Amino acid sequence: MTDQNTRLGILLMIVTVFIFAVQDGFARYLAAGYSVFMVIMVRYWFFAIFVTVQALMKPGGLRAAVRTRHPWLQLVRSVILIAEICVMVYAYTRIGLINTHAIFAVSPLLVAGLAMPILGEKVGWRRWTAIVIGMVGVAVLLQPDGGVFSIDSFLPLLGALLFALYSLMTRLTTRDEPAFISFFWSGIIGCVLMTAIGLPYLTAMPLFDLFILAVYSFLALFGHFLLIRSYSMAEASALQPFAYLQIVFITIIAITVFDEALRMNIVIGGGIVILAGLFTVIRSRQVNQGKGLRVGQR
């Protein structure tokens, strides 16, 4: 992989997280006035159409996209993703964008901690230390006198856990089959299940809100498309640090559009969580490079 590809991958990642931040702003607006289930249902309609068109354009067509070695695992991970999206969008309406994303930033640490029992990966003492420090940051975020603590504050924690499980299950499914198969199953299963859940909540919307819903659904698709493109151009370990810029973009949107407040415990606790997450990313990259060197030496 060339330096130019890496730079382009980083640029795409920055654009991606900006799009995701704008998308979340639209989600917060829509979920405040309409059922979360209806909003996510329409998003999945766009998702299903997109992956179906993509499948038809690939060699083998739909038959190749449907063929998976892990049908039950695909079902479980798709259900987990649905739950994670619904939980996060609902959390936006309860504790705001800033608080939600500050707490959700613990997700990479949960991925590192759960990689050992689920994937059988070895997690050294340095990364375990980073995980513990990250949890201290979460405690700072949730402190009662910081104005954040409530039952609703556990929603993004649940979302982070669900996303960590989804990420690890995705790694399992992509070990022995193309990533697009998992992408296709997520879209189709999500569309079927969310239609069954969300259709009873379907309500009429004014033209402006319909436009916002369409833009929100498009941004979700476009953001994931750019994410895939960025990972095709650079290593995940090189891109992951820039994914944290989403919190910066979210904070700007939340303050300027939704009049949210940036409290000191959010700055301190979020900073601890982000630094701990960055350390786990850097450490994972060092470990993987070390393994590659040892294999080469043999």
C-alpha atoms as a PDB file:
ATOM      1  CA  MET A   1       0.000   0.000   0.000  1.00  0.00           C
ATOM      2  CA  THR A   2       1.469   3.357  -1.040  1.00  0.00           C
ATOM      3  CA  ASP A   3       1.702   6.499   1.048  1.00  0.00           C
ATOM      4  CA  GLN A   4      -0.604   8.225  -1.420  1.00  0.00           C
ATOM      5  CA  ASN A   5      -3.260   5.559  -0.850  1.00  0.00           C
ATOM      6  CA  THR A   6      -2.881   5.924   2.889  1.00  0.00           C
ATOM      7  CA  ARG A   7      -3.277   9.695   2.704  1.00  0.00           C
ATOM      8  CA  LEU A   8      -6.349   9.323   0.509  1.00  0.00           C
ATOM      9  CA  GLY A   9      -7.760   6.721   2.898  1.00  0.00           C
ATOM     10  CA  ILE A  10      -7.274   9.105   5.826  1.00  0.00           C
ATOM     11  CA  LEU A  11      -8.947  11.926   3.896  1.00  0.00           C
ATOM     12  CA  LEU A  12     -11.903   9.667   3.099  1.00  0.00           C
ATOM     13  CA  MET A  13     -12.143   8.654   6.764  1.00  0.00           C
ATOM     14  CA  ILE A  14     -12.322  12.298   7.836  1.00  0.00           C
ATOM     15  CA  VAL A  15     -15.050  12.982   5.266  1.00  0.00           C
ATOM     16  CA  THR A  16     -16.835   9.819   6.402  1.00  0.00           C
ATOM     17  CA  VAL A  17     -16.975  10.748  10.072  1.00  0.00           C
ATOM     18  CA  PHE A  18     -18.133  14.242   9.157  1.00  0.00           C
ATOM     19  CA  ILE A  19     -20.989  12.706   7.164  1.00  0.00           C
ATOM     20  CA  PHE A  20     -21.805  10.410  10.084  1.00  0.00           C
ATOM     21  CA  ALA A  21     -21.894  13.417  12.407  1.00  0.00           C
ATOM     22  CA  VAL A  22     -24.325  15.266  10.133  1.00  0.00           C
ATOM     23  CA  GLN A  23     -26.354  12.066   9.800  1.00  0.00           C
ATOM     24  CA  ASP A  24     -26.632  11.813  13.584  1.00  0.00           C
ATOM     25  CA  GLY A  25     -27.800  15.414  13.735  1.00  0.00           C
ATOM     26  CA  PHE A  26     -30.612  14.563  11.325  1.00  0.00           C
ATOM     27  CA  ALA A  27     -31.405  11.446  13.372  1.00  0.00           C
ATOM     28  CA  ARG A  28     -31.697  13.511  16.547  1.00  0.00           C
ATOM     29  CA  TYR A  29     -34.089  15.900  14.831  1.00  0.00           C
ATOM     30  CA  LEU A  30     -36.267  13.142  13.376  1.00  0.00           C
ATOM     31  CA  ALA A  31     -36.381  10.981  16.507  1.00  0.00           C
ATOM     32  CA  ALA A  32     -37.558  13.949  18.562  1.00  0.00           C
ATOM     33  CA  GLY A  33     -40.793  14.116  16.564  1.00  0.00           C
ATOM     34  CA  TYR A  34     -41.324  10.610  15.203  1.00  0.00           C
ATOM     35  CA  SER A  35     -40.956   7.000  16.275  1.00  0.00           C
ATOM     36  CA  VAL A  36     -37.368   5.774  16.271  1.00  0.00           C
ATOM     37  CA  PHE A  37     -38.625   2.529  14.739  1.00  0.00           C
ATOM     38  CA  MET A  38     -40.183   4.344  11.789  1.00  0.00           C
ATOM     39  CA  VAL A  39     -37.060   6.413  11.150  1.00  0.00           C
ATOM     40  CA  ILE A  40     -34.764   3.376  11.241  1.00  0.00           C
ATOM     41  CA  MET A  41     -37.216   1.384   9.098  1.00  0.00           C
ATOM     42  CA  VAL A  42     -37.012   3.912   6.258  1.00  0.00           C
ATOM     43  CA  ARG A  43     -33.229   4.015   6.607  1.00  0.00           C
ATOM     44  CA  TYR A  44     -33.140   0.244   6.128  1.00  0.00           C
ATOM     45  CA  TRP A  45     -35.374   0.489   3.050  1.00  0.00           C
ATOM     46  CA  PHE A  46     -32.683   2.618   1.420  1.00  0.00           C
ATOM     47  CA  PHE A  47     -30.039   0.206   2.722  1.00  0.00           C
ATOM     48  CA  ALA A  48     -31.778  -2.859   1.238  1.00  0.00           C
ATOM     49  CA  ILE A  49     -32.221  -1.217  -2.152  1.00  0.00           C
ATOM     50  CA  PHE A  50     -28.564  -0.200  -2.207  1.00  0.00           C
ATOM     51  CA  VAL A  51     -27.139  -3.645  -1.346  1.00  0.00           C
ATOM     52  CA  THR A  52     -29.518  -5.358  -3.781  1.00  0.00           C
ATOM     53  CA  VAL A  53     -28.367  -3.129  -6.647  1.00  0.00           C
ATOM     54  CA  GLN A  54     -24.762  -3.685  -5.631  1.00  0.00           C
ATOM     55  CA  ALA A  55     -25.286  -7.457  -5.554  1.00  0.00           C
ATOM     56  CA  LEU A  56     -26.863  -7.471  -9.011  1.00  0.00           C
ATOM     57  CA  MET A  57     -23.822  -5.635 -10.382  1.00  0.00           C
ATOM     58  CA  LYS A  58     -21.346  -8.145  -8.951  1.00  0.00           C
ATOM     59  CA  PRO A  59     -20.308 -11.471 -10.541  1.00  0.00           C
ATOM     60  CA  GLY A  60     -22.745 -14.175  -9.525  1.00  0.00           C
ATOM     61  CA  GLY A  61     -25.517 -11.691  -8.732  1.00  0.00           C
ATOM     62  CA  LEU A  62     -27.893 -12.217  -5.826  1.00  0.00           C
ATOM     63  CA  ARG A  63     -27.112 -15.913  -5.551  1.00  0.00           C
ATOM     64  CA  ALA A  64     -23.471 -15.203  -4.730  1.00  0.00           C
ATOM     65  CA  ALA A  65     -24.424 -12.491  -2.222  1.00  0.00           C
ATOM     66  CA  VAL A  66     -26.871 -14.745  -0.383  1.00  0.00           C
ATOM     67  CA  ARG A  67     -24.499 -17.698  -0.169  1.00  0.00           C
ATOM     68  CA  THR A  68     -22.914 -17.629   3.289  1.00  0.00           C
ATOM     69  CA  ARG A  69     -21.226 -20.182   5.512  1.00  0.00           C
ATOM     70  CA  HIS A  70     -22.639 -18.519   8.626  1.00  0.00           C
ATOM     71  CA  PRO A  71     -26.404 -17.922   8.202  1.00  0.00           C
ATOM     72  CA  TRP A  72     -27.193 -17.949  11.930  1.00  0.00           C
ATOM     73  CA  LEU A  73     -24.241 -15.733  12.755  1.00  0.00           C
ATOM     74  CA  GLN A  74     -25.357 -13.333  10.019  1.00  0.00           C
ATOM     75  CA  LEU A  75     -28.839 -13.254  11.525  1.00  0.00           C
ATOM     76  CA  VAL A  76     -27.555 -12.577  15.053  1.00  0.00           C
ATOM     77  CA  ARG A  77     -25.128  -9.831  14.002  1.00  0.00           C
ATOM     78  CA  SER A  78     -27.830  -8.153  11.900  1.00  0.00           C
ATOM     79  CA  VAL A  79     -30.248  -8.145  14.841  1.00  0.00           C
ATOM     80  CA  ILE A  80     -27.518  -6.723  17.082  1.00  0.00           C
ATOM     81  CA  LEU A  81     -26.835  -3.929  14.585  1.00  0.00           C
ATOM     82  CA  ILE A  82     -30.539  -3.051  14.452  1.00  0.00           C
ATOM     83  CA  ALA A  83     -30.683  -2.887  18.236  1.00  0.00           C
ATOM     84  CA  GLU A  84     -27.522  -0.746  18.383  1.00  0.00           C
ATOM     85  CA  ILE A  85     -28.823   1.803  15.874  1.00  0.00           C
ATOM     86  CA  CYS A  86     -32.203   2.077  17.614  1.00  0.00           C
ATOM     87  CA  VAL A  87     -30.609   2.440  21.048  1.00  0.00           C
ATOM     88  CA  MET A  88     -28.216   5.147  19.868  1.00  0.00           C
ATOM     89  CA  VAL A  89     -30.841   7.207  18.032  1.00  0.00           C
ATOM     90  CA  TYR A  90     -33.128   7.008  21.058  1.00  0.00           C
ATOM     91  CA  ALA A  91     -30.228   8.083  23.290  1.00  0.00           C
ATOM     92  CA  TYR A  92     -29.789  11.237  21.186  1.00  0.00           C
ATOM     93  CA  THR A  93     -33.262  12.357  22.237  1.00  0.00           C
ATOM     94  CA  ARG A  94     -32.706  11.511  25.909  1.00  0.00           C
ATOM     95  CA  ILE A  95     -29.219  12.802  26.760  1.00  0.00           C
ATOM     96  CA  GLY A  96     -28.135  14.615  23.583  1.00  0.00           C
ATOM     97  CA  LEU A  97     -25.497  14.061  20.931  1.00  0.00           C
ATOM     98  CA  ILE A  98     -22.450  15.120  22.952  1.00  0.00           C
ATOM     99  CA  ASN A  99     -23.133  12.947  25.987  1.00  0.00           C
ATOM    100  CA  THR A 100     -24.130   9.974  23.857  1.00  0.00           C
ATOM    101  CA  HIS A 101     -21.011  10.017  21.692  1.00  0.00           C
ATOM    102  CA  ALA A 102     -18.678  10.726  24.595  1.00  0.00           C
ATOM    103  CA  ILE A 103     -19.881   7.566  26.341  1.00  0.00           C
ATOM    104  CA  PHE A 104     -20.099   5.541  23.113  1.00  0.00           C
ATOM    105  CA  ALA A 105     -16.375   6.218  22.533  1.00  0.00           C
ATOM    106  CA  VAL A 106     -15.682   3.324  24.900  1.00  0.00           C
ATOM    107  CA  SER A 107     -16.670   0.886  22.124  1.00  0.00           C
ATOM    108  CA  PRO A 108     -13.104   0.252  20.784  1.00  0.00           C
ATOM    109  CA  LEU A 109     -12.032  -0.639  24.323  1.00  0.00           C
ATOM    110  CA  LEU A 110     -14.886  -3.142  24.577  1.00  0.00           C
ATOM    111  CA  VAL A 111     -13.831  -4.604  21.236  1.00  0.00           C
ATOM    112  CA  ALA A 112     -10.296  -5.080  22.581  1.00  0.00           C
ATOM    113  CA  GLY A 113     -11.543  -6.664  25.805  1.00  0.00           C
ATOM    114  CA  LEU A 114     -14.025  -9.004  24.106  1.00  0.00           C
ATOM    115  CA  ALA A 115     -11.609 -10.045  21.356  1.00  0.00           C
ATOM    116  CA  MET A 116     -10.041 -12.598  23.684  1.00  0.00           C
ATOM    117  CA  PRO A 117     -13.158 -14.669  24.596  1.00  0.00           C
ATOM    118  CA  ILE A 118     -14.880 -14.274  21.198  1.00  0.00           C
ATOM    119  CA  LEU A 119     -12.001 -14.335  18.698  1.00  0.00           C
ATOM    120  CA  GLY A 120      -9.367 -16.033  20.807  1.00  0.00           C
ATOM    121  CA  GLU A 121      -7.010 -13.088  20.401  1.00  0.00           C
ATOM    122  CA  LYS A 122      -4.360 -12.448  23.020  1.00  0.00           C
ATOM    123  CA  VAL A 123      -4.776  -9.175  24.932  1.00  0.00           C
ATOM    124  CA  GLY A 124      -1.647  -8.097  26.804  1.00  0.00           C
ATOM    125  CA  TRP A 125      -1.398  -6.235  30.083  1.00  0.00           C
ATOM    126  CA  ARG A 126      -0.852  -2.891  28.348  1.00  0.00           C
ATOM    127  CA  ARG A 127      -4.174  -3.060  26.536  1.00  0.00           C
ATOM    128  CA  TRP A 128      -5.936  -4.342  29.657  1.00  0.00           C
ATOM    129  CA  THR A 129      -4.507  -1.311  31.490  1.00  0.00           C
ATOM    130  CA  ALA A 130      -5.858   0.973  28.753  1.00  0.00           C
ATOM    131  CA  ILE A 131      -9.265  -0.684  29.052  1.00  0.00           C
ATOM    132  CA  VAL A 132      -9.344  -0.111  32.814  1.00  0.00           C
ATOM    133  CA  ILE A 133      -8.266   3.522  32.361  1.00  0.00           C
ATOM    134  CA  GLY A 134     -10.974   3.945  29.730  1.00  0.00           C
ATOM    135  CA  MET A 135     -13.566   2.673  32.195  1.00  0.00           C
ATOM    136  CA  VAL A 136     -12.335   5.278  34.679  1.00  0.00           C
ATOM    137  CA  GLY A 137     -13.062   7.844  31.962  1.00  0.00           C
ATOM    138  CA  VAL A 138     -16.591   6.447  31.639  1.00  0.00           C
ATOM    139  CA  ALA A 139     -17.020   6.823  35.401  1.00  0.00           C
ATOM    140  CA  VAL A 140     -16.013  10.481  35.084  1.00  0.00           C
ATOM    141  CA  LEU A 141     -18.553  10.882  32.294  1.00  0.00           C
ATOM    142  CA  LEU A 142     -21.318   9.378  34.415  1.00  0.00           C
ATOM    143  CA  GLN A 143     -20.558  11.176  37.678  1.00  0.00           C
ATOM    144  CA  PRO A 144     -23.837  12.338  39.282  1.00  0.00           C
ATOM    145  CA  ASP A 145     -22.721  15.911  39.939  1.00  0.00           C
ATOM    146  CA  GLY A 146     -21.702  16.309  36.295  1.00  0.00           C
ATOM    147  CA  GLY A 147     -25.316  16.539  35.194  1.00  0.00           C
ATOM    148  CA  VAL A 148     -25.088  13.498  32.940  1.00  0.00           C
ATOM    149  CA  PHE A 149     -25.858  10.594  35.225  1.00  0.00           C
ATOM    150  CA  SER A 150     -29.262   9.000  34.786  1.00  0.00           C
ATOM    151  CA  ILE A 151     -30.699   5.699  33.714  1.00  0.00           C
ATOM    152  CA  ASP A 152     -30.672   7.084  30.180  1.00  0.00           C
ATOM    153  CA  SER A 153     -26.890   7.469  30.409  1.00  0.00           C
ATOM    154  CA  PHE A 154     -26.588   3.700  30.173  1.00  0.00           C
ATOM    155  CA  LEU A 155     -28.188   3.718  26.713  1.00  0.00           C
ATOM    156  CA  PRO A 156     -24.950   4.658  24.887  1.00  0.00           C
ATOM    157  CA  LEU A 157     -23.072   2.154  27.058  1.00  0.00           C
ATOM    158  CA  LEU A 158     -25.473  -0.498  25.846  1.00  0.00           C
ATOM    159  CA  GLY A 159     -25.035   0.823  22.305  1.00  0.00           C
ATOM    160  CA  ALA A 160     -21.241   0.590  22.649  1.00  0.00           C
ATOM    161  CA  LEU A 161     -21.480  -3.003  23.876  1.00  0.00           C
ATOM    162  CA  LEU A 162     -23.821  -3.960  21.042  1.00  0.00           C
ATOM    163  CA  PHE A 163     -21.572  -2.318  18.457  1.00  0.00           C
ATOM    164  CA  ALA A 164     -18.518  -4.096  19.886  1.00  0.00           C
ATOM    165  CA  LEU A 165     -20.311  -7.448  19.604  1.00  0.00           C
ATOM    166  CA  TYR A 166     -21.426  -6.602  16.069  1.00  0.00           C
ATOM    167  CA  SER A 167     -17.862  -5.671  15.076  1.00  0.00           C
ATOM    168  CA  LEU A 168     -16.413  -8.893  16.462  1.00  0.00           C
ATOM    169  CA  MET A 169     -19.104 -11.021  14.806  1.00  0.00           C
ATOM    170  CA  THR A 170     -18.377  -9.249  11.539  1.00  0.00           C
ATOM    171  CA  ARG A 171     -14.732 -10.227  11.903  1.00  0.00           C
ATOM    172  CA  LEU A 172     -15.834 -13.836  12.368  1.00  0.00           C
ATOM    173  CA  THR A 173     -18.003 -13.838   9.246  1.00  0.00           C
ATOM    174  CA  THR A 174     -15.372 -12.159   7.072  1.00  0.00           C
ATOM    175  CA  ARG A 175     -12.595 -14.575   7.991  1.00  0.00           C
ATOM    176  CA  ASP A 176     -13.589 -17.037   5.282  1.00  0.00           C
ATOM    177  CA  GLU A 177     -15.955 -15.153   2.950  1.00  0.00           C
ATOM    178  CA  PRO A 178     -16.127 -11.735   1.211  1.00  0.00           C
ATOM    179  CA  ALA A 179     -17.106  -8.749   3.332  1.00  0.00           C
ATOM    180  CA  PHE A 180     -19.895  -7.819   0.918  1.00  0.00           C
ATOM    181  CA  ILE A 181     -21.838 -10.932   1.905  1.00  0.00           C
ATOM    182  CA  SER A 182     -22.049  -9.655   5.476  1.00  0.00           C
ATOM    183  CA  PHE A 183     -22.934  -6.178   4.195  1.00  0.00           C
ATOM    184  CA  PHE A 184     -25.729  -7.656   2.042  1.00  0.00           C
ATOM    185  CA  TRP A 185     -27.173  -9.758   4.850  1.00  0.00           C
ATOM    186  CA  SER A 186     -27.153  -6.773   7.227  1.00  0.00           C
ATOM    187  CA  GLY A 187     -29.184  -4.735   4.764  1.00  0.00           C
ATOM    188  CA  ILE A 188     -31.731  -7.403   3.830  1.00  0.00           C
ATOM    189  CA  ILE A 189     -32.304  -8.850   7.311  1.00  0.00           C
ATOM    190  CA  GLY A 190     -32.428  -5.346   8.769  1.00  0.00           C
ATOM    191  CA  CYS A 191     -34.995  -4.274   6.192  1.00  0.00           C
ATOM    192  CA  VAL A 192     -37.255  -7.273   6.863  1.00  0.00           C
ATOM    193  CA  LEU A 193     -37.104  -7.010  10.653  1.00  0.00           C
ATOM    194  CA  MET A 194     -37.375  -3.225  10.848  1.00  0.00           C
ATOM    195  CA  THR A 195     -40.334  -3.249   8.459  1.00  0.00           C
ATOM    196  CA  ALA A 196     -42.099  -5.726  10.725  1.00  0.00           C
ATOM    197  CA  ILE A 197     -41.289  -3.592  13.781  1.00  0.00           C
ATOM    198  CA  GLY A 198     -41.641  -0.110  12.320  1.00  0.00           C
ATOM    199  CA  LEU A 199     -44.611  -0.391   9.965  1.00  0.00           C
ATOM    200  CA  PRO A 200     -47.201   0.009  12.769  1.00  0.00           C
ATOM    201  CA  TYR A 201     -45.491   3.314  13.679  1.00  0.00           C
ATOM    202  CA  LEU A 202     -45.621   4.722  10.140  1.00  0.00           C
ATOM    203  CA  THR A 203     -47.152   8.192  10.257  1.00  0.00           C
ATOM    204  CA  ALA A 204     -47.702  11.038   7.807  1.00  0.00           C
ATOM    205  CA  MET A 205     -44.920  13.615   7.614  1.00  0.00           C
ATOM    206  CA  PRO A 206     -44.787  17.140   6.181  1.00  0.00           C
ATOM    207  CA  LEU A 207     -42.762  17.556   3.005  1.00  0.00           C
ATOM    208  CA  PHE A 208     -39.792  19.124   4.800  1.00  0.00           C
ATOM    209  CA  ASP A 209     -39.482  16.221   7.244  1.00  0.00           C
ATOM    210  CA  LEU A 210     -39.806  13.725   4.397  1.00  0.00           C
ATOM    211  CA  PHE A 211     -36.902  15.483   2.733  1.00  0.00           C
ATOM    212  CA  ILE A 212     -34.862  15.335   5.954  1.00  0.00           C
ATOM    213  CA  LEU A 213     -35.648  11.620   6.307  1.00  0.00           C
ATOM    214  CA  ALA A 214     -34.541  10.968   2.728  1.00  0.00           C
ATOM    215  CA  VAL A 215     -31.304  12.923   3.259  1.00  0.00           C
ATOM    216  CA  TYR A 216     -30.674  11.098   6.546  1.00  0.00           C
ATOM    217  CA  SER A 217     -31.101   7.704   4.848  1.00  0.00           C
ATOM    218  CA  PHE A 218     -28.874   8.736   1.946  1.00  0.00           C
ATOM    219  CA  LEU A 219     -26.126   9.995   4.276  1.00  0.00           C
ATOM    220  CA  ALA A 220     -26.181   6.713   6.183  1.00  0.00           C
ATOM    221  CA  LEU A 221     -25.595   4.841   2.922  1.00  0.00           C
ATOM    222  CA  PHE A 222     -23.051   7.265   1.505  1.00  0.00           C
ATOM    223  CA  GLY A 223     -21.122   7.318   4.776  1.00  0.00           C
ATOM    224  CA  HIS A 224     -20.853   3.528   4.843  1.00  0.00           C
ATOM    225  CA  PHE A 225     -19.803   3.507   1.184  1.00  0.00           C
ATOM    226  CA  LEU A 226     -16.981   5.958   1.922  1.00  0.00           C
ATOM    227  CA  LEU A 227     -16.032   3.955   5.006  1.00  0.00           C
ATOM    228  CA  ILE A 228     -15.593   0.829   2.895  1.00  0.00           C
ATOM    229  CA  ARG A 229     -13.579   2.808   0.355  1.00  0.00           C
ATOM    230  CA  SER A 230     -11.297   4.255   3.026  1.00  0.00           C
ATOM    231  CA  TYR A 231     -10.593   0.793   4.481  1.00  0.00           C
ATOM    232  CA  SER A 232      -9.765  -0.461   0.988  1.00  0.00           C
ATOM    233  CA  MET A 233      -7.040   2.190   0.684  1.00  0.00           C
ATOM    234  CA  ALA A 234      -5.380   2.127   4.098  1.00  0.00           C
ATOM    235  CA  GLU A 235      -4.931  -0.151   7.095  1.00  0.00           C
ATOM    236  CA  ALA A 236      -7.596   0.042   9.764  1.00  0.00           C
ATOM    237  CA  SER A 237      -4.984   0.834  12.413  1.00  0.00           C
ATOM    238  CA  ALA A 238      -3.897   3.900  10.398  1.00  0.00           C
ATOM    239  CA  LEU A 239      -7.476   5.127   9.982  1.00  0.00           C
ATOM    240  CA  GLN A 240      -8.984   4.456  13.409  1.00  0.00           C
ATOM    241  CA  PRO A 241      -7.408   7.463  15.190  1.00  0.00           C
ATOM    242  CA  PHE A 242      -9.103   9.797  12.704  1.00  0.00           C
ATOM    243  CA  ALA A 243     -12.482   8.183  13.396  1.00  0.00           C
ATOM    244  CA  TYR A 244     -12.475  10.014  16.734  1.00  0.00           C
ATOM    245  CA  LEU A 245     -12.856  13.278  14.841  1.00  0.00           C
ATOM    246  CA  GLN A 246     -16.544  12.390  14.668  1.00  0.00           C
ATOM    247  CA  ILE A 247     -16.836  13.486  18.306  1.00  0.00           C
ATOM    248  CA  VAL A 248     -15.391  16.880  17.372  1.00  0.00           C
ATOM    249  CA  PHE A 249     -17.871  17.302  14.519  1.00  0.00           C
ATOM    250  CA  ILE A 250     -20.732  16.057  16.703  1.00  0.00           C
ATOM    251  CA  THR A 251     -19.843  18.570  19.412  1.00  0.00           C
ATOM    252  CA  ILE A 252     -19.880  21.474  16.938  1.00  0.00           C
ATOM    253  CA  ILE A 253     -23.263  20.401  15.534  1.00  0.00           C
ATOM    254  CA  ALA A 254     -24.749  19.760  18.969  1.00  0.00           C
ATOM    255  CA  ILE A 255     -23.704  23.161  20.337  1.00  0.00           C
ATOM    256  CA  THR A 256     -24.569  25.264  17.280  1.00  0.00           C
ATOM    257  CA  VAL A 257     -27.772  23.520  16.176  1.00  0.00           C
ATOM    258  CA  PHE A 258     -29.247  21.933  19.307  1.00  0.00           C
ATOM    259  CA  ASP A 259     -27.883  24.289  21.998  1.00  0.00           C
ATOM    260  CA  GLU A 260     -26.294  21.443  23.943  1.00  0.00           C
ATOM    261  CA  ALA A 261     -23.797  22.250  26.680  1.00  0.00           C
ATOM    262  CA  LEU A 262     -20.239  20.940  26.822  1.00  0.00           C
ATOM    263  CA  ARG A 263     -19.591  20.201  30.511  1.00  0.00           C
ATOM    264  CA  MET A 264     -16.141  19.828  31.999  1.00  0.00           C
ATOM    265  CA  ASN A 265     -16.660  16.201  33.042  1.00  0.00           C
ATOM    266  CA  ILE A 266     -17.500  15.403  29.407  1.00  0.00           C
ATOM    267  CA  VAL A 267     -14.236  16.988  28.265  1.00  0.00           C
ATOM    268  CA  ILE A 268     -12.156  15.194  30.916  1.00  0.00           C
ATOM    269  CA  GLY A 269     -13.929  11.839  30.827  1.00  0.00           C
ATOM    270  CA  GLY A 270     -14.241  11.818  27.039  1.00  0.00           C
ATOM    271  CA  GLY A 271     -10.568  12.721  26.704  1.00  0.00           C
ATOM    272  CA  ILE A 272      -9.563   9.803  28.946  1.00  0.00           C
ATOM    273  CA  VAL A 273     -11.709   7.371  26.976  1.00  0.00           C
ATOM    274  CA  ILE A 274     -10.400   8.609  23.608  1.00  0.00           C
ATOM    275  CA  LEU A 275      -6.744   8.473  24.687  1.00  0.00           C
ATOM    276  CA  ALA A 276      -7.233   4.959  26.046  1.00  0.00           C
ATOM    277  CA  GLY A 277      -8.909   3.936  22.797  1.00  0.00           C
ATOM    278  CA  LEU A 278      -6.099   5.421  20.718  1.00  0.00           C
ATOM    279  CA  PHE A 279      -3.561   3.509  22.780  1.00  0.00           C
ATOM    280  CA  THR A 280      -5.330   0.204  22.149  1.00  0.00           C
ATOM    281  CA  VAL A 281      -5.361   0.938  18.407  1.00  0.00           C
ATOM    282  CA  ILE A 282      -1.659   1.804  18.327  1.00  0.00           C
ATOM    283  CA  ARG A 283      -0.774  -1.176  20.517  1.00  0.00           C
ATOM    284  CA  SER A 284      -2.788  -3.562  18.339  1.00  0.00           C
ATOM    285  CA  ARG A 285      -0.946  -2.277  15.287  1.00  0.00           C
ATOM    286  CA  GLN A 286       2.420  -2.821  16.971  1.00  0.00           C
ATOM    287  CA  VAL A 287       1.458  -6.359  17.987  1.00  0.00           C
ATOM    288  CA  ASN A 288       0.249  -7.209  14.481  1.00  0.00           C
ATOM    289  CA  GLN A 289       3.409  -5.781  12.917  1.00  0.00           C
ATOM    290  CA  GLY A 290       5.472  -7.824  15.361  1.00  0.00           C
ATOM    291  CA  LYS A 291       3.642 -10.986  14.382  1.00  0.00           C
ATOM    292  CA  GLY A 292       4.249 -10.237  10.713  1.00  0.00           C
ATOM    293  CA  LEU A 293       7.970  -9.736  11.396  1.00  0.00           C
ATOM    294  CA  ARG A 294       8.221 -13.040  13.283  1.00  0.00           C
ATOM    295  CA  VAL A 295       6.476 -14.883  10.465  1.00  0.00           C
ATOM    296  CA  GLY A 296       8.889 -13.336   7.953  1.00  0.00           C
ATOM    297  CA  GLN A 297      11.882 -14.338  10.063  1.00  0.00           C
ATOM    298  CA  ARG A 298      10.757 -17.948  10.088  1.00  0.00           C
END
